[in-house]
Amino acid sequence: MKTIFDKNTNSELIKRIQNLKESDSAKWGKMNAYQMLKHCTLGEEMFQGKKQYKRLFIGKLFGKMALKGIIKNEHPMKKNQPTHPELKISGSGDFDIEKKKWISLLNDYNGYSNTNFIHPFFGKMTNDEIGIFVYKHTDHHLQQFGR
């Protein structure tokens, strides 16, 4: 299973991000390219402990089961999955700045360890689970925009 902690996998994702264009259209979902970048940078900041979000009640009920399904499944994430309300992005911003920020955050996974991380939906996650999930989430959104 691919993980964000693998140097080659991380480099491959960064190359795909570098190919993103502001004019790229989503194959599914409601976000434009800028909104997807912002959504992903907020996600990386969360995993790296720079931002925290309130734990969702439904996540307390179903989060662990959902995480196991995502982590163990070799296939890409399903389209149009629910998103934490605070990670739903609207409006616009500077595409190039957000793109550079996302790449920088992905580079920050070199030497990463966050043994106390609690995801707002999935709950407590191990470093291995974080590595796989971050890879799958990044891949999912890059595929969403044809990258």
C-alpha atoms as a PDB file:
ATOM      1  CA  MET A   1       0.000   0.000   0.000  1.00  0.00           C
ATOM      2  CA  LYS A   2       1.373   3.422  -0.935  1.00  0.00           C
ATOM      3  CA  THR A   3       2.129   5.920   1.821  1.00  0.00           C
ATOM      4  CA  ILE A   4       2.995   9.612   1.930  1.00  0.00           C
ATOM      5  CA  PHE A   5       6.083   8.665   3.952  1.00  0.00           C
ATOM      6  CA  ASP A   6       7.698   6.898   0.986  1.00  0.00           C
ATOM      7  CA  LYS A   7      10.058   9.410  -0.654  1.00  0.00           C
ATOM      8  CA  ASN A   8       9.315   8.230  -4.226  1.00  0.00           C
ATOM      9  CA  THR A   9       5.548   8.243  -3.652  1.00  0.00           C
ATOM     10  CA  ASN A  10       5.725  11.719  -2.136  1.00  0.00           C
ATOM     11  CA  SER A  11       7.794  12.974  -5.106  1.00  0.00           C
ATOM     12  CA  GLU A  12       5.304  11.456  -7.570  1.00  0.00           C
ATOM     13  CA  LEU A  13       2.414  13.295  -5.886  1.00  0.00           C
ATOM     14  CA  ILE A  14       4.319  16.583  -5.900  1.00  0.00           C
ATOM     15  CA  LYS A  15       5.007  16.249  -9.638  1.00  0.00           C
ATOM     16  CA  ARG A  16       1.300  15.687 -10.223  1.00  0.00           C
ATOM     17  CA  ILE A  17       0.457  18.786  -8.154  1.00  0.00           C
ATOM     18  CA  GLN A  18       2.977  20.835 -10.143  1.00  0.00           C
ATOM     19  CA  ASN A  19       1.004  19.923 -13.285  1.00  0.00           C
ATOM     20  CA  LEU A  20      -2.263  21.305 -11.891  1.00  0.00           C
ATOM     21  CA  LYS A  21      -3.676  24.348 -13.637  1.00  0.00           C
ATOM     22  CA  GLU A  22      -6.189  26.803 -12.257  1.00  0.00           C
ATOM     23  CA  SER A  23      -8.328  26.148 -15.341  1.00  0.00           C
ATOM     24  CA  ASP A  24      -8.522  22.368 -14.657  1.00  0.00           C
ATOM     25  CA  SER A  25     -12.115  21.200 -14.229  1.00  0.00           C
ATOM     26  CA  ALA A  26     -13.294  18.617 -11.752  1.00  0.00           C
ATOM     27  CA  LYS A  27     -14.470  15.272 -13.115  1.00  0.00           C
ATOM     28  CA  TRP A  28     -16.802  15.016 -10.098  1.00  0.00           C
ATOM     29  CA  GLY A  29     -17.738  17.063  -7.035  1.00  0.00           C
ATOM     30  CA  LYS A  30     -18.430  20.747  -6.542  1.00  0.00           C
ATOM     31  CA  MET A  31     -14.973  22.228  -5.939  1.00  0.00           C
ATOM     32  CA  ASN A  32     -12.929  24.179  -8.440  1.00  0.00           C
ATOM     33  CA  ALA A  33      -9.139  23.720  -8.610  1.00  0.00           C
ATOM     34  CA  TYR A  34      -8.367  26.463  -6.068  1.00  0.00           C
ATOM     35  CA  GLN A  35     -10.948  25.128  -3.608  1.00  0.00           C
ATOM     36  CA  MET A  36      -9.476  21.619  -3.892  1.00  0.00           C
ATOM     37  CA  LEU A  37      -5.975  22.981  -3.196  1.00  0.00           C
ATOM     38  CA  LYS A  38      -7.227  24.883  -0.137  1.00  0.00           C
ATOM     39  CA  HIS A  39      -9.151  21.813   1.102  1.00  0.00           C
ATOM     40  CA  CYS A  40      -5.997  19.715   0.826  1.00  0.00           C
ATOM     41  CA  THR A  41      -3.702  22.260   2.501  1.00  0.00           C
ATOM     42  CA  LEU A  42      -6.112  22.484   5.433  1.00  0.00           C
ATOM     43  CA  GLY A  43      -6.098  18.684   5.603  1.00  0.00           C
ATOM     44  CA  GLU A  44      -2.293  18.525   5.679  1.00  0.00           C
ATOM     45  CA  GLU A  45      -2.198  21.192   8.392  1.00  0.00           C
ATOM     46  CA  MET A  46      -4.646  19.101  10.411  1.00  0.00           C
ATOM     47  CA  PHE A  47      -2.601  15.895  10.088  1.00  0.00           C
ATOM     48  CA  GLN A  48       0.560  17.783  10.999  1.00  0.00           C
ATOM     49  CA  GLY A  49      -1.018  19.233  14.147  1.00  0.00           C
ATOM     50  CA  LYS A  50      -1.124  22.839  12.888  1.00  0.00           C
ATOM     51  CA  LYS A  51      -4.946  22.968  12.895  1.00  0.00           C
ATOM     52  CA  GLN A  52      -7.550  21.099  14.920  1.00  0.00           C
ATOM     53  CA  TYR A  53     -11.208  20.492  14.227  1.00  0.00           C
ATOM     54  CA  LYS A  54     -14.039  19.448  16.494  1.00  0.00           C
ATOM     55  CA  ARG A  55     -14.692  15.705  16.677  1.00  0.00           C
ATOM     56  CA  LEU A  56     -17.925  14.827  14.850  1.00  0.00           C
ATOM     57  CA  PHE A  57     -20.511  12.719  16.684  1.00  0.00           C
ATOM     58  CA  ILE A  58     -21.147  10.522  13.638  1.00  0.00           C
ATOM     59  CA  GLY A  59     -17.411   9.883  13.477  1.00  0.00           C
ATOM     60  CA  LYS A  60     -17.469   8.572  17.030  1.00  0.00           C
ATOM     61  CA  LEU A  61     -20.053   6.040  15.864  1.00  0.00           C
ATOM     62  CA  PHE A  62     -18.666   5.016  12.470  1.00  0.00           C
ATOM     63  CA  GLY A  63     -15.198   6.553  12.111  1.00  0.00           C
ATOM     64  CA  LYS A  64     -13.013   3.542  12.985  1.00  0.00           C
ATOM     65  CA  MET A  65     -15.011   1.235  10.716  1.00  0.00           C
ATOM     66  CA  ALA A  66     -14.840   3.730   7.827  1.00  0.00           C
ATOM     67  CA  LEU A  67     -11.091   4.210   8.291  1.00  0.00           C
ATOM     68  CA  LYS A  68     -10.440   0.465   8.204  1.00  0.00           C
ATOM     69  CA  GLY A  69     -12.395   0.234   4.952  1.00  0.00           C
ATOM     70  CA  ILE A  70     -10.354   3.009   3.352  1.00  0.00           C
ATOM     71  CA  ILE A  71      -6.967   1.808   4.618  1.00  0.00           C
ATOM     72  CA  LYS A  72      -7.412  -1.877   3.749  1.00  0.00           C
ATOM     73  CA  ASN A  73      -8.951  -1.247   0.335  1.00  0.00           C
ATOM     74  CA  GLU A  74      -6.354  -1.205  -2.463  1.00  0.00           C
ATOM     75  CA  HIS A  75      -8.721   0.837  -4.653  1.00  0.00           C
ATOM     76  CA  PRO A  76      -8.874   4.649  -4.757  1.00  0.00           C
ATOM     77  CA  MET A  77     -11.244   6.453  -2.424  1.00  0.00           C
ATOM     78  CA  LYS A  78     -14.871   6.624  -3.481  1.00  0.00           C
ATOM     79  CA  LYS A  79     -16.086   9.786  -5.182  1.00  0.00           C
ATOM     80  CA  ASN A  80     -18.222  12.381  -3.389  1.00  0.00           C
ATOM     81  CA  GLN A  81     -17.417  11.271   0.164  1.00  0.00           C
ATOM     82  CA  PRO A  82     -18.695  13.450   3.024  1.00  0.00           C
ATOM     83  CA  THR A  83     -16.381  16.285   4.088  1.00  0.00           C
ATOM     84  CA  HIS A  84     -15.967  17.849   7.526  1.00  0.00           C
ATOM     85  CA  PRO A  85     -17.930  21.144   7.423  1.00  0.00           C
ATOM     86  CA  GLU A  86     -14.813  23.200   8.227  1.00  0.00           C
ATOM     87  CA  LEU A  87     -12.941  21.613   5.308  1.00  0.00           C
ATOM     88  CA  LYS A  88     -15.599  22.571   2.754  1.00  0.00           C
ATOM     89  CA  ILE A  89     -14.163  25.467   0.800  1.00  0.00           C
ATOM     90  CA  SER A  90     -16.025  28.170  -1.096  1.00  0.00           C
ATOM     91  CA  GLY A  91     -14.864  31.328  -2.773  1.00  0.00           C
ATOM     92  CA  SER A  92     -11.535  31.956  -4.426  1.00  0.00           C
ATOM     93  CA  GLY A  93      -7.939  32.778  -3.610  1.00  0.00           C
ATOM     94  CA  ASP A  94      -4.432  32.740  -5.013  1.00  0.00           C
ATOM     95  CA  PHE A  95      -4.058  29.426  -6.854  1.00  0.00           C
ATOM     96  CA  ASP A  96      -0.259  29.541  -7.159  1.00  0.00           C
ATOM     97  CA  ILE A  97       0.310  30.390  -3.491  1.00  0.00           C
ATOM     98  CA  GLU A  98      -1.998  27.569  -2.390  1.00  0.00           C
ATOM     99  CA  LYS A  99      -0.282  25.122  -4.739  1.00  0.00           C
ATOM    100  CA  LYS A 100       3.157  26.012  -3.334  1.00  0.00           C
ATOM    101  CA  LYS A 101       1.792  25.707   0.206  1.00  0.00           C
ATOM    102  CA  TRP A 102       0.435  22.199  -0.480  1.00  0.00           C
ATOM    103  CA  ILE A 103       3.773  21.071  -1.942  1.00  0.00           C
ATOM    104  CA  SER A 104       5.621  22.496   1.063  1.00  0.00           C
ATOM    105  CA  LEU A 105       3.273  20.680   3.455  1.00  0.00           C
ATOM    106  CA  LEU A 106       3.778  17.385   1.615  1.00  0.00           C
ATOM    107  CA  ASN A 107       7.543  17.867   1.947  1.00  0.00           C
ATOM    108  CA  ASP A 108       7.012  18.268   5.707  1.00  0.00           C
ATOM    109  CA  TYR A 109       6.069  14.576   5.970  1.00  0.00           C
ATOM    110  CA  ASN A 110       9.801  13.778   5.819  1.00  0.00           C
ATOM    111  CA  GLY A 111      10.558  12.796   9.421  1.00  0.00           C
ATOM    112  CA  TYR A 112       6.898  13.143  10.456  1.00  0.00           C
ATOM    113  CA  SER A 113       5.506  11.516  13.575  1.00  0.00           C
ATOM    114  CA  ASN A 114       2.253  12.449  15.305  1.00  0.00           C
ATOM    115  CA  THR A 115       1.428   9.619  17.712  1.00  0.00           C
ATOM    116  CA  ASN A 116      -1.338  11.622  19.415  1.00  0.00           C
ATOM    117  CA  PHE A 117      -3.270  12.584  16.276  1.00  0.00           C
ATOM    118  CA  ILE A 118      -7.062  12.393  16.518  1.00  0.00           C
ATOM    119  CA  HIS A 119      -8.948  12.861  13.251  1.00  0.00           C
ATOM    120  CA  PRO A 120     -12.315  14.654  13.619  1.00  0.00           C
ATOM    121  CA  PHE A 121     -14.139  11.741  11.927  1.00  0.00           C
ATOM    122  CA  PHE A 122     -11.869   8.671  12.132  1.00  0.00           C
ATOM    123  CA  GLY A 123     -10.583   9.223  15.674  1.00  0.00           C
ATOM    124  CA  LYS A 124      -7.105   8.221  16.829  1.00  0.00           C
ATOM    125  CA  MET A 125      -4.899   7.239  13.904  1.00  0.00           C
ATOM    126  CA  THR A 126      -1.500   5.540  13.837  1.00  0.00           C
ATOM    127  CA  ASN A 127       1.345   6.971  11.747  1.00  0.00           C
ATOM    128  CA  ASP A 128       0.881   4.073   9.287  1.00  0.00           C
ATOM    129  CA  GLU A 129      -2.828   4.878   8.913  1.00  0.00           C
ATOM    130  CA  ILE A 130      -2.025   8.566   8.431  1.00  0.00           C
ATOM    131  CA  GLY A 131       0.577   7.777   5.756  1.00  0.00           C
ATOM    132  CA  ILE A 132      -1.817   5.613   3.740  1.00  0.00           C
ATOM    133  CA  PHE A 133      -4.796   7.934   4.187  1.00  0.00           C
ATOM    134  CA  VAL A 134      -2.869  11.081   3.217  1.00  0.00           C
ATOM    135  CA  TYR A 135      -1.597   9.333   0.087  1.00  0.00           C
ATOM    136  CA  LYS A 136      -5.092   8.120  -0.861  1.00  0.00           C
ATOM    137  CA  HIS A 137      -6.690  11.517  -0.131  1.00  0.00           C
ATOM    138  CA  THR A 138      -4.078  13.344  -2.220  1.00  0.00           C
ATOM    139  CA  ASP A 139      -4.345  10.835  -5.073  1.00  0.00           C
ATOM    140  CA  HIS A 140      -8.158  11.073  -4.934  1.00  0.00           C
ATOM    141  CA  HIS A 141      -8.186  14.843  -5.387  1.00  0.00           C
ATOM    142  CA  LEU A 142      -5.507  14.817  -8.075  1.00  0.00           C
ATOM    143  CA  GLN A 143      -7.536  12.253 -10.031  1.00  0.00           C
ATOM    144  CA  GLN A 144     -10.603  14.441  -9.490  1.00  0.00           C
ATOM    145  CA  PHE A 145      -8.831  17.102 -11.588  1.00  0.00           C
ATOM    146  CA  GLY A 146      -7.347  14.736 -14.151  1.00  0.00           C
ATOM    147  CA  ARG A 147      -3.874  14.680 -12.647  1.00  0.00           C
END
